[in-house]
Amino acid sequence: MTTEIDAAKYIAFGTYKKDGSLVSTPTWVTPFENGYAFTTDTGSFKVKRIQRRADVVVSVSDVRGRVSTGRAALPGTAEVLDNARALRVRDLIKKKYRVGWYLTIAPRNVWNRLRGRESSMGAGAIKFVLSQS
């Protein structure tokens, strides 16, 4: 199934809090294993929310997560990936967003290493599959 997510540069990725309210985060995205995936910090709130409740809502957005009028909110389910699959997602994101990755993610990884912290970006990944309509 081809969707507008296939051509998206950014998406607004929505997860649900305990109280049922939706929290949306802008992120890069890449096709992965019959769905889509992106990297994230393994300790992020979206990881914790997905571990509690797997249903998500995704929309094509701009870099700030703003969804254009008329863009569909696409429901799906998500899972937190193991380290081996997360590394594959990191490589796909790095390839798709090469310049952006080197300007934003790579410097943060270097800074974290200099501070004695493990690199957070690429340490984890989330995969989501859109619901069939």
N, C-alpha and C. Protein backbone atom coordinates (compact mmCIF):
# COMPACT_ATOMS: atom_id res chain seq x y z
N MET A 1 0.84 -1.17 0.00
CA MET A 1 0.00 0.00 0.00
C MET A 1 0.90 1.25 0.00
N THR A 2 0.73 2.09 -0.98
CA THR A 2 1.48 3.33 -1.07
C THR A 2 0.67 4.44 -0.41
N THR A 3 1.32 5.22 0.41
CA THR A 3 0.65 6.33 1.09
C THR A 3 1.45 7.60 0.92
N GLU A 4 0.89 8.70 1.38
CA GLU A 4 1.60 9.97 1.33
C GLU A 4 2.82 9.95 2.24
N ILE A 5 2.89 9.03 3.17
CA ILE A 5 4.06 8.91 4.05
C ILE A 5 5.29 8.48 3.25
N ASP A 6 5.07 7.70 2.18
CA ASP A 6 6.20 7.25 1.35
C ASP A 6 7.03 8.41 0.83
N ALA A 7 6.41 9.51 0.48
CA ALA A 7 7.11 10.66 -0.09
C ALA A 7 7.41 11.74 0.94
N ALA A 8 7.01 11.54 2.17
CA ALA A 8 7.16 12.57 3.20
C ALA A 8 8.61 12.74 3.64
N LYS A 9 8.99 13.99 3.84
CA LYS A 9 10.29 14.28 4.42
C LYS A 9 10.18 14.31 5.94
N TYR A 10 9.05 14.81 6.44
CA TYR A 10 8.80 14.87 7.88
C TYR A 10 7.40 14.36 8.16
N ILE A 11 7.23 13.81 9.36
CA ILE A 11 5.89 13.41 9.80
C ILE A 11 5.66 13.94 11.22
N ALA A 12 4.40 14.10 11.55
CA ALA A 12 3.99 14.35 12.93
C ALA A 12 3.56 12.98 13.46
N PHE A 13 4.29 12.47 14.44
CA PHE A 13 4.06 11.15 15.00
C PHE A 13 3.35 11.31 16.33
N GLY A 14 2.11 10.84 16.41
CA GLY A 14 1.29 11.03 17.61
C GLY A 14 1.14 9.77 18.44
N THR A 15 1.43 9.91 19.73
CA THR A 15 1.24 8.83 20.70
C THR A 15 0.29 9.32 21.79
N TYR A 16 -0.23 8.38 22.57
CA TYR A 16 -1.24 8.73 23.57
C TYR A 16 -0.70 8.66 25.00
N LYS A 17 -1.01 9.69 25.78
CA LYS A 17 -0.68 9.72 27.21
C LYS A 17 -1.63 8.80 27.97
N LYS A 18 -1.34 8.61 29.24
CA LYS A 18 -2.21 7.79 30.10
C LYS A 18 -3.64 8.32 30.12
N ASP A 19 -3.78 9.66 30.08
CA ASP A 19 -5.12 10.26 30.14
C ASP A 19 -5.85 10.25 28.80
N GLY A 20 -5.21 9.70 27.77
CA GLY A 20 -5.83 9.60 26.45
C GLY A 20 -5.55 10.75 25.52
N SER A 21 -4.88 11.80 26.00
CA SER A 21 -4.56 12.93 25.13
C SER A 21 -3.42 12.58 24.18
N LEU A 22 -3.48 13.16 23.01
CA LEU A 22 -2.51 12.89 21.95
C LEU A 22 -1.33 13.84 22.04
N VAL A 23 -0.12 13.30 21.93
CA VAL A 23 1.11 14.08 21.90
C VAL A 23 1.77 13.82 20.56
N SER A 24 2.01 14.87 19.81
CA SER A 24 2.58 14.73 18.47
C SER A 24 4.00 15.29 18.44
N THR A 25 4.89 14.57 17.77
CA THR A 25 6.29 14.94 17.67
C THR A 25 6.73 14.89 16.22
N PRO A 26 7.39 15.96 15.71
CA PRO A 26 7.90 15.89 14.34
C PRO A 26 9.12 14.97 14.28
N THR A 27 9.23 14.22 13.21
CA THR A 27 10.37 13.31 13.07
C THR A 27 10.63 13.00 11.60
N TRP A 28 11.83 12.55 11.33
CA TRP A 28 12.16 12.01 10.02
C TRP A 28 11.59 10.61 9.96
N VAL A 29 11.43 10.09 8.75
CA VAL A 29 10.84 8.75 8.61
C VAL A 29 11.41 8.06 7.38
N THR A 30 11.49 6.74 7.45
CA THR A 30 11.96 5.95 6.32
C THR A 30 11.13 4.66 6.22
N PRO A 31 10.90 4.18 5.00
CA PRO A 31 10.24 2.87 4.88
C PRO A 31 11.11 1.79 5.53
N PHE A 32 10.44 0.83 6.20
CA PHE A 32 11.18 -0.22 6.90
C PHE A 32 10.27 -1.41 7.16
N GLU A 33 10.68 -2.57 6.69
CA GLU A 33 9.97 -3.84 6.96
C GLU A 33 8.46 -3.74 6.82
N ASN A 34 7.98 -3.40 5.65
CA ASN A 34 6.54 -3.29 5.37
C ASN A 34 5.82 -2.27 6.24
N GLY A 35 6.54 -1.29 6.69
CA GLY A 35 6.00 -0.19 7.49
C GLY A 35 6.94 0.98 7.37
N TYR A 36 7.06 1.74 8.44
CA TYR A 36 7.94 2.91 8.48
C TYR A 36 8.64 2.93 9.83
N ALA A 37 9.77 3.64 9.87
CA ALA A 37 10.51 3.69 11.14
C ALA A 37 11.30 4.98 11.25
N PHE A 38 11.69 5.28 12.48
CA PHE A 38 12.56 6.42 12.76
C PHE A 38 13.36 6.12 14.02
N THR A 39 14.45 6.86 14.19
CA THR A 39 15.28 6.69 15.37
C THR A 39 14.80 7.59 16.50
N THR A 40 15.10 7.19 17.71
CA THR A 40 14.75 7.97 18.88
C THR A 40 15.61 7.54 20.05
N ASP A 41 15.63 8.34 21.08
CA ASP A 41 16.32 7.99 22.32
C ASP A 41 15.51 6.88 23.00
N THR A 42 16.18 5.85 23.46
CA THR A 42 15.46 4.73 24.08
C THR A 42 14.72 5.13 25.36
N GLY A 43 15.10 6.24 25.96
CA GLY A 43 14.42 6.70 27.16
C GLY A 43 13.38 7.78 26.91
N SER A 44 13.05 8.02 25.64
CA SER A 44 12.11 9.10 25.32
C SER A 44 10.70 8.76 25.80
N PHE A 45 9.91 9.82 25.98
CA PHE A 45 8.53 9.61 26.42
C PHE A 45 7.71 8.86 25.37
N LYS A 46 7.99 9.09 24.07
CA LYS A 46 7.21 8.37 23.06
C LYS A 46 7.47 6.86 23.14
N VAL A 47 8.69 6.47 23.49
CA VAL A 47 8.98 5.04 23.69
C VAL A 47 8.15 4.51 24.85
N LYS A 48 8.13 5.24 25.95
CA LYS A 48 7.36 4.81 27.12
C LYS A 48 5.86 4.73 26.81
N ARG A 49 5.36 5.73 26.05
CA ARG A 49 3.93 5.72 25.71
C ARG A 49 3.60 4.53 24.79
N ILE A 50 4.48 4.22 23.84
CA ILE A 50 4.23 3.09 22.93
C ILE A 50 4.27 1.77 23.68
N GLN A 51 5.15 1.65 24.65
CA GLN A 51 5.21 0.42 25.44
C GLN A 51 3.92 0.22 26.23
N ARG A 52 3.23 1.31 26.53
CA ARG A 52 1.97 1.23 27.27
C ARG A 52 0.77 1.08 26.34
N ARG A 53 0.84 1.77 25.19
CA ARG A 53 -0.29 1.78 24.25
C ARG A 53 0.27 1.90 22.84
N ALA A 54 0.06 0.88 22.01
CA ALA A 54 0.72 0.79 20.71
C ALA A 54 0.04 1.58 19.59
N ASP A 55 -1.20 2.02 19.77
CA ASP A 55 -1.84 2.73 18.68
C ASP A 55 -1.31 4.16 18.58
N VAL A 56 -1.13 4.60 17.32
CA VAL A 56 -0.54 5.90 17.02
C VAL A 56 -1.32 6.57 15.89
N VAL A 57 -1.04 7.85 15.69
CA VAL A 57 -1.61 8.61 14.58
C VAL A 57 -0.46 9.34 13.90
N VAL A 58 -0.42 9.27 12.58
CA VAL A 58 0.68 9.85 11.81
C VAL A 58 0.12 10.76 10.73
N SER A 59 0.77 11.91 10.52
CA SER A 59 0.40 12.84 9.45
C SER A 59 1.67 13.39 8.82
N VAL A 60 1.60 13.68 7.54
CA VAL A 60 2.70 14.38 6.89
C VAL A 60 2.74 15.79 7.48
N SER A 61 3.94 16.29 7.77
CA SER A 61 4.06 17.61 8.39
C SER A 61 5.27 18.35 7.84
N ASP A 62 5.48 19.55 8.37
CA ASP A 62 6.71 20.27 8.08
C ASP A 62 7.73 19.94 9.17
N VAL A 63 8.89 20.57 9.11
CA VAL A 63 9.97 20.27 10.05
C VAL A 63 9.58 20.54 11.50
N ARG A 64 8.63 21.42 11.72
CA ARG A 64 8.19 21.75 13.09
C ARG A 64 7.00 20.91 13.55
N GLY A 65 6.55 19.98 12.70
CA GLY A 65 5.43 19.13 13.07
C GLY A 65 4.07 19.70 12.76
N ARG A 66 4.03 20.83 12.04
CA ARG A 66 2.74 21.43 11.67
C ARG A 66 2.15 20.66 10.50
N VAL A 67 0.92 20.23 10.66
CA VAL A 67 0.23 19.46 9.63
C VAL A 67 -0.58 20.43 8.78
N SER A 68 -0.42 20.34 7.46
CA SER A 68 -1.16 21.21 6.55
C SER A 68 -2.64 20.87 6.56
N THR A 69 -3.47 21.88 6.34
CA THR A 69 -4.91 21.66 6.24
C THR A 69 -5.18 20.66 5.12
N GLY A 70 -6.04 19.72 5.40
CA GLY A 70 -6.41 18.73 4.40
C GLY A 70 -5.56 17.47 4.43
N ARG A 71 -4.50 17.46 5.23
CA ARG A 71 -3.68 16.25 5.36
C ARG A 71 -4.38 15.25 6.26
N ALA A 72 -4.36 14.00 5.85
CA ALA A 72 -5.03 12.95 6.60
C ALA A 72 -4.24 12.57 7.86
N ALA A 73 -4.96 12.28 8.93
CA ALA A 73 -4.38 11.70 10.13
C ALA A 73 -4.53 10.19 9.97
N LEU A 74 -3.43 9.50 9.81
CA LEU A 74 -3.45 8.07 9.50
C LEU A 74 -3.21 7.25 10.76
N PRO A 75 -4.16 6.38 11.13
CA PRO A 75 -3.98 5.55 12.32
C PRO A 75 -3.06 4.37 12.03
N GLY A 76 -2.41 3.89 13.07
CA GLY A 76 -1.54 2.73 12.93
C GLY A 76 -1.17 2.18 14.29
N THR A 77 -0.26 1.22 14.27
CA THR A 77 0.28 0.65 15.50
C THR A 77 1.80 0.71 15.43
N ALA A 78 2.42 0.84 16.59
CA ALA A 78 3.86 1.00 16.66
C ALA A 78 4.49 0.00 17.61
N GLU A 79 5.78 -0.20 17.41
CA GLU A 79 6.56 -1.05 18.31
C GLU A 79 7.95 -0.46 18.46
N VAL A 80 8.56 -0.69 19.61
CA VAL A 80 9.93 -0.29 19.85
C VAL A 80 10.82 -1.43 19.34
N LEU A 81 11.82 -1.08 18.54
CA LEU A 81 12.66 -2.10 17.91
C LEU A 81 13.85 -2.48 18.79
N ASP A 82 14.31 -3.72 18.59
CA ASP A 82 15.52 -4.17 19.29
C ASP A 82 16.74 -3.46 18.69
N ASN A 83 17.87 -3.59 19.34
CA ASN A 83 19.07 -2.86 18.96
C ASN A 83 19.52 -3.15 17.52
N ALA A 84 19.50 -4.40 17.09
CA ALA A 84 19.97 -4.73 15.74
C ALA A 84 19.10 -4.06 14.68
N ARG A 85 17.80 -4.10 14.85
CA ARG A 85 16.90 -3.45 13.89
C ARG A 85 17.00 -1.93 13.99
N ALA A 86 17.21 -1.41 15.20
CA ALA A 86 17.38 0.03 15.38
C ALA A 86 18.62 0.53 14.63
N LEU A 87 19.67 -0.24 14.63
CA LEU A 87 20.88 0.14 13.90
C LEU A 87 20.62 0.18 12.39
N ARG A 88 19.81 -0.75 11.90
CA ARG A 88 19.45 -0.74 10.47
C ARG A 88 18.63 0.51 10.15
N VAL A 89 17.71 0.88 11.03
CA VAL A 89 16.91 2.09 10.82
C VAL A 89 17.82 3.31 10.83
N ARG A 90 18.75 3.36 11.78
CA ARG A 90 19.69 4.48 11.84
C ARG A 90 20.44 4.65 10.52
N ASP A 91 20.89 3.54 9.94
CA ASP A 91 21.61 3.60 8.67
C ASP A 91 20.71 4.11 7.54
N LEU A 92 19.44 3.70 7.53
CA LEU A 92 18.50 4.17 6.50
C LEU A 92 18.20 5.66 6.65
N ILE A 93 18.02 6.11 7.89
CA ILE A 93 17.78 7.53 8.16
C ILE A 93 19.01 8.34 7.75
N LYS A 94 20.17 7.85 8.12
CA LYS A 94 21.42 8.54 7.79
C LYS A 94 21.58 8.67 6.28
N LYS A 95 21.20 7.64 5.55
CA LYS A 95 21.29 7.67 4.09
C LYS A 95 20.27 8.64 3.48
N LYS A 96 19.04 8.60 3.95
CA LYS A 96 17.97 9.44 3.39
C LYS A 96 18.16 10.91 3.72
N TYR A 97 18.63 11.21 4.93
CA TYR A 97 18.75 12.59 5.41
C TYR A 97 20.22 12.97 5.61
N ARG A 98 21.06 12.55 4.70
CA ARG A 98 22.51 12.66 4.84
C ARG A 98 22.97 14.03 5.35
N VAL A 99 22.64 15.11 4.67
CA VAL A 99 23.10 16.44 5.07
C VAL A 99 22.53 16.81 6.43
N GLY A 100 21.24 16.64 6.61
CA GLY A 100 20.60 16.95 7.89
C GLY A 100 21.18 16.12 9.03
N TRP A 101 21.46 14.86 8.76
CA TRP A 101 22.01 13.99 9.78
C TRP A 101 23.38 14.50 10.24
N TYR A 102 24.23 14.85 9.26
CA TYR A 102 25.56 15.33 9.61
C TYR A 102 25.54 16.71 10.28
N LEU A 103 24.51 17.50 10.03
CA LEU A 103 24.42 18.81 10.64
C LEU A 103 23.76 18.79 12.02
N THR A 104 22.90 17.80 12.28
CA THR A 104 22.16 17.80 13.54
C THR A 104 22.48 16.61 14.45
N ILE A 105 22.42 15.43 13.93
CA ILE A 105 22.57 14.23 14.77
C ILE A 105 24.04 13.93 15.07
N ALA A 106 24.89 13.95 14.06
CA ALA A 106 26.31 13.62 14.27
C ALA A 106 26.96 14.52 15.31
N PRO A 107 26.78 15.85 15.26
CA PRO A 107 27.39 16.69 16.31
C PRO A 107 26.89 16.36 17.72
N ARG A 108 25.60 16.04 17.83
CA ARG A 108 25.06 15.69 19.14
C ARG A 108 25.71 14.40 19.64
N ASN A 109 25.91 13.43 18.74
CA ASN A 109 26.55 12.18 19.14
C ASN A 109 27.98 12.43 19.62
N VAL A 110 28.71 13.29 18.91
CA VAL A 110 30.09 13.63 19.32
C VAL A 110 30.07 14.32 20.68
N TRP A 111 29.18 15.29 20.86
CA TRP A 111 29.06 16.00 22.13
C TRP A 111 28.76 15.04 23.28
N ASN A 112 27.84 14.11 23.05
CA ASN A 112 27.51 13.14 24.09
C ASN A 112 28.70 12.27 24.45
N ARG A 113 29.48 11.85 23.46
CA ARG A 113 30.67 11.04 23.73
C ARG A 113 31.69 11.84 24.54
N LEU A 114 31.90 13.11 24.19
CA LEU A 114 32.84 13.96 24.92
C LEU A 114 32.41 14.15 26.37
N ARG A 115 31.13 14.16 26.62
CA ARG A 115 30.59 14.31 27.98
C ARG A 115 30.49 12.98 28.71
N GLY A 116 30.91 11.90 28.05
CA GLY A 116 30.88 10.58 28.68
C GLY A 116 29.54 9.91 28.65
N ARG A 117 28.66 10.41 27.80
CA ARG A 117 27.33 9.79 27.67
C ARG A 117 27.29 8.94 26.42
N GLU A 118 26.51 7.89 26.50
CA GLU A 118 26.29 7.06 25.32
C GLU A 118 25.45 7.86 24.33
N SER A 119 25.73 7.68 23.05
CA SER A 119 24.95 8.37 22.02
C SER A 119 23.49 7.98 22.13
N SER A 120 22.61 8.97 22.19
CA SER A 120 21.20 8.67 22.35
C SER A 120 20.50 8.49 21.00
N MET A 121 20.86 9.28 20.01
CA MET A 121 20.20 9.16 18.72
C MET A 121 20.74 7.93 17.99
N GLY A 122 19.84 7.11 17.53
CA GLY A 122 20.25 5.88 16.87
C GLY A 122 20.31 4.72 17.84
N ALA A 123 20.26 5.02 19.15
CA ALA A 123 20.30 3.96 20.14
C ALA A 123 18.99 3.18 20.16
N GLY A 124 17.95 3.78 19.68
CA GLY A 124 16.66 3.12 19.63
C GLY A 124 15.92 3.51 18.37
N ALA A 125 14.86 2.80 18.08
CA ALA A 125 14.05 3.11 16.91
C ALA A 125 12.63 2.61 17.14
N ILE A 126 11.71 3.25 16.44
CA ILE A 126 10.31 2.88 16.49
C ILE A 126 9.86 2.56 15.09
N LYS A 127 9.13 1.46 14.97
CA LYS A 127 8.52 1.08 13.69
C LYS A 127 7.02 1.21 13.85
N PHE A 128 6.37 1.72 12.79
CA PHE A 128 4.91 1.75 12.81
C PHE A 128 4.37 1.24 11.49
N VAL A 129 3.19 0.66 11.59
CA VAL A 129 2.48 0.14 10.43
C VAL A 129 1.12 0.82 10.41
N LEU A 130 0.75 1.35 9.26
CA LEU A 130 -0.54 2.03 9.14
C LEU A 130 -1.66 1.01 9.07
N SER A 131 -2.80 1.36 9.66
CA SER A 131 -3.97 0.49 9.63
C SER A 131 -4.53 0.42 8.21
N GLN A 132 -5.06 -0.72 7.86
CA GLN A 132 -5.70 -0.90 6.56
C GLN A 132 -7.06 -0.21 6.58
N SER A 133 -7.35 0.60 5.53
CA SER A 133 -8.66 1.24 5.50
C SER A 133 -9.59 0.56 4.55
